[in-house]
Amino acid sequence: MRIALGSDHAGFPLKEAVKRHLQDDGQEVLDVGTDSQAPVDYPGFCAAAARAVAEDRADRAIVFGGSGQGEQIAANKVRGVRAALCHDLYTARLSREHNDANVLAMGGRIVAPDLALEIVGVWLATPFAGGRHARRVAQIAEIEREER
């Protein structure tokens, strides 16, 4: 799987831990930055990771910040992206199963690295359930088209 990663300075350590884990697992990783803990603004990095998914350069993306909130919001501004903020296994599973989330957001100041790796594992392994959920995801896409 091709996975884009983006973070700000607060999410950088968690991004690096997840990146190593994904690469060790044989995943193809596209790291769009940042590359240190020097203070930066997150919107551009999160949009770049989300655009990689929207432009089919990545299958999914993960964005990291202090809380993950702003990172999720920035990623969701990219057309075709459904970013979900997940700080536990349950929301990670449901974000994929019910919402077909293609971007995961996590907070490096909230989620410990071991839990983050579990969240990523569940999120990557969970398929979209389709059915009644597909109708709802299509309705979200229609709202997005209307708002253009």
Protein backbone atom coordinates (compact mmCIF):
# COMPACT_ATOMS: atom_id res chain seq x y z
CA MET A 1 0.00 0.00 0.00
CA ARG A 2 1.16 3.55 -0.74
CA ILE A 3 0.80 5.77 2.31
CA ALA A 4 1.48 9.51 2.45
CA LEU A 5 2.55 11.03 5.76
CA GLY A 6 2.47 14.66 6.80
CA SER A 7 2.99 16.42 10.11
CA ASP A 8 3.87 19.58 11.90
CA HIS A 9 6.64 19.84 14.50
CA ALA A 10 4.44 18.49 17.33
CA GLY A 11 3.51 15.42 15.31
CA PHE A 12 6.99 14.85 13.91
CA PRO A 13 8.19 12.26 16.48
CA LEU A 14 5.03 10.18 16.06
CA LYS A 15 5.22 10.47 12.27
CA GLU A 16 8.77 9.16 12.35
CA ALA A 17 7.79 6.19 14.55
CA VAL A 18 4.87 5.32 12.27
CA LYS A 19 7.03 5.79 9.17
CA ARG A 20 9.65 3.33 10.44
CA HIS A 21 6.92 0.82 11.32
CA LEU A 22 5.26 1.12 7.91
CA GLN A 23 8.54 0.78 6.04
CA ASP A 24 9.52 -2.24 8.14
CA ASP A 25 6.14 -3.71 7.20
CA GLY A 26 6.93 -3.28 3.50
CA GLN A 27 4.60 -0.34 2.84
CA GLU A 28 5.57 2.35 0.36
CA VAL A 29 5.79 5.66 2.26
CA LEU A 30 5.62 9.15 0.79
CA ASP A 31 6.77 11.58 3.49
CA VAL A 32 5.69 15.13 2.61
CA GLY A 33 7.22 16.65 5.76
CA THR A 34 8.00 18.25 8.06
CA ASP A 35 11.50 16.96 8.67
CA SER A 36 12.23 18.15 12.22
CA GLN A 37 10.74 19.48 15.44
CA ALA A 38 11.43 23.06 14.39
CA PRO A 39 8.14 25.01 14.60
CA VAL A 40 6.11 25.02 11.37
CA ASP A 41 2.48 25.54 10.39
CA TYR A 42 0.60 22.30 9.73
CA PRO A 43 -1.96 23.14 6.99
CA GLY A 44 0.40 22.83 4.03
CA PHE A 45 1.84 19.50 5.14
CA CYS A 46 -1.58 18.00 5.81
CA ALA A 47 -2.98 19.26 2.52
CA ALA A 48 0.03 17.80 0.68
CA ALA A 49 -0.57 14.37 2.23
CA ALA A 50 -4.30 14.58 1.46
CA ARG A 51 -3.63 15.70 -2.13
CA ALA A 52 -1.44 12.63 -2.62
CA VAL A 53 -4.55 10.53 -1.97
CA ALA A 54 -6.85 12.74 -4.06
CA GLU A 55 -4.38 12.61 -6.97
CA ASP A 56 -3.91 8.82 -6.65
CA ARG A 57 -0.23 9.10 -5.72
CA ALA A 58 -1.09 7.36 -2.43
CA ASP A 59 -3.79 4.93 -1.39
CA ARG A 60 -4.17 6.50 2.04
CA ALA A 61 -2.57 9.20 4.16
CA ILE A 62 -1.86 9.81 7.82
CA VAL A 63 -1.42 13.30 9.26
CA PHE A 64 0.02 14.14 12.67
CA GLY A 65 0.03 17.18 14.90
CA GLY A 66 -0.20 17.99 18.57
CA SER A 67 -3.88 17.10 18.82
CA GLY A 68 -4.67 16.02 15.27
CA GLN A 69 -7.68 18.35 15.18
CA GLY A 70 -6.35 21.06 12.90
CA GLU A 71 -4.58 18.46 10.80
CA GLN A 72 -7.86 16.64 10.20
CA ILE A 73 -9.59 19.90 9.30
CA ALA A 74 -6.86 20.88 6.83
CA ALA A 75 -6.89 17.44 5.17
CA ASN A 76 -10.69 17.54 4.86
CA LYS A 77 -10.46 20.71 2.76
CA VAL A 78 -9.05 18.62 -0.11
CA ARG A 79 -11.79 17.37 -2.42
CA GLY A 80 -12.28 13.63 -2.22
CA VAL A 81 -10.69 13.29 1.21
CA ARG A 82 -12.47 11.85 4.20
CA ALA A 83 -10.13 12.45 7.13
CA ALA A 84 -10.89 10.96 10.53
CA LEU A 85 -9.37 11.91 13.87
CA CYS A 86 -8.77 8.66 15.74
CA HIS A 87 -7.21 8.30 19.17
CA ASP A 88 -8.42 4.77 19.86
CA LEU A 89 -8.94 1.46 18.08
CA TYR A 90 -12.73 1.71 17.99
CA THR A 91 -12.87 5.02 16.12
CA ALA A 92 -10.10 3.83 13.79
CA ARG A 93 -12.12 0.75 12.84
CA LEU A 94 -15.39 2.64 12.43
CA SER A 95 -13.78 5.42 10.39
CA ARG A 96 -12.88 2.81 7.77
CA GLU A 97 -15.84 0.47 8.14
CA HIS A 98 -18.58 3.12 8.12
CA ASN A 99 -17.00 6.21 6.55
CA ASP A 100 -14.38 4.82 4.16
CA ALA A 101 -11.90 7.31 5.64
CA ASN A 102 -8.87 7.68 3.40
CA VAL A 103 -6.88 9.94 5.73
CA LEU A 104 -6.16 9.24 9.39
CA ALA A 105 -5.32 12.08 11.79
CA MET A 106 -3.62 11.55 15.15
CA GLY A 107 -2.24 13.76 17.88
CA GLY A 108 1.34 13.19 18.92
CA ARG A 109 0.65 14.84 22.28
CA ILE A 110 -2.34 12.56 22.86
CA VAL A 111 -1.51 9.11 21.48
CA ALA A 112 1.46 7.10 22.73
CA PRO A 113 3.60 5.54 19.99
CA ASP A 114 2.63 1.93 20.80
CA LEU A 115 -1.07 2.76 20.66
CA ALA A 116 -0.55 4.77 17.47
CA LEU A 117 0.96 1.73 15.77
CA GLU A 118 -2.05 -0.34 16.83
CA ILE A 119 -4.42 2.35 15.54
CA VAL A 120 -2.60 2.47 12.21
CA GLY A 121 -2.72 -1.32 11.95
CA VAL A 122 -6.46 -1.47 12.56
CA TRP A 123 -7.10 1.48 10.25
CA LEU A 124 -5.11 0.00 7.38
CA ALA A 125 -6.57 -3.50 7.80
CA THR A 126 -10.24 -2.55 8.11
CA PRO A 127 -12.21 -2.66 4.86
CA PHE A 128 -15.13 -0.38 4.03
CA ALA A 129 -18.39 -2.19 4.84
CA GLY A 130 -20.34 -0.66 1.96
CA GLY A 131 -24.10 -1.28 2.09
CA ARG A 132 -26.01 1.46 3.88
CA HIS A 133 -22.70 3.19 4.57
CA ALA A 134 -21.95 3.54 0.85
CA ARG A 135 -25.15 5.54 0.44
CA ARG A 136 -24.02 7.91 3.18
CA VAL A 137 -20.52 8.31 1.81
CA ALA A 138 -22.10 9.11 -1.58
CA GLN A 139 -24.25 11.77 0.11
CA ILE A 140 -21.11 13.31 1.60
CA ALA A 141 -19.51 13.37 -1.86
CA GLU A 142 -22.63 15.06 -3.25
CA ILE A 143 -22.42 17.78 -0.60
CA GLU A 144 -18.80 18.27 -1.59
CA ARG A 145 -19.75 18.67 -5.25
CA GLU A 146 -22.50 21.16 -4.35
CA GLU A 147 -20.08 23.25 -2.32
CA ARG A 148 -17.59 23.66 -5.16
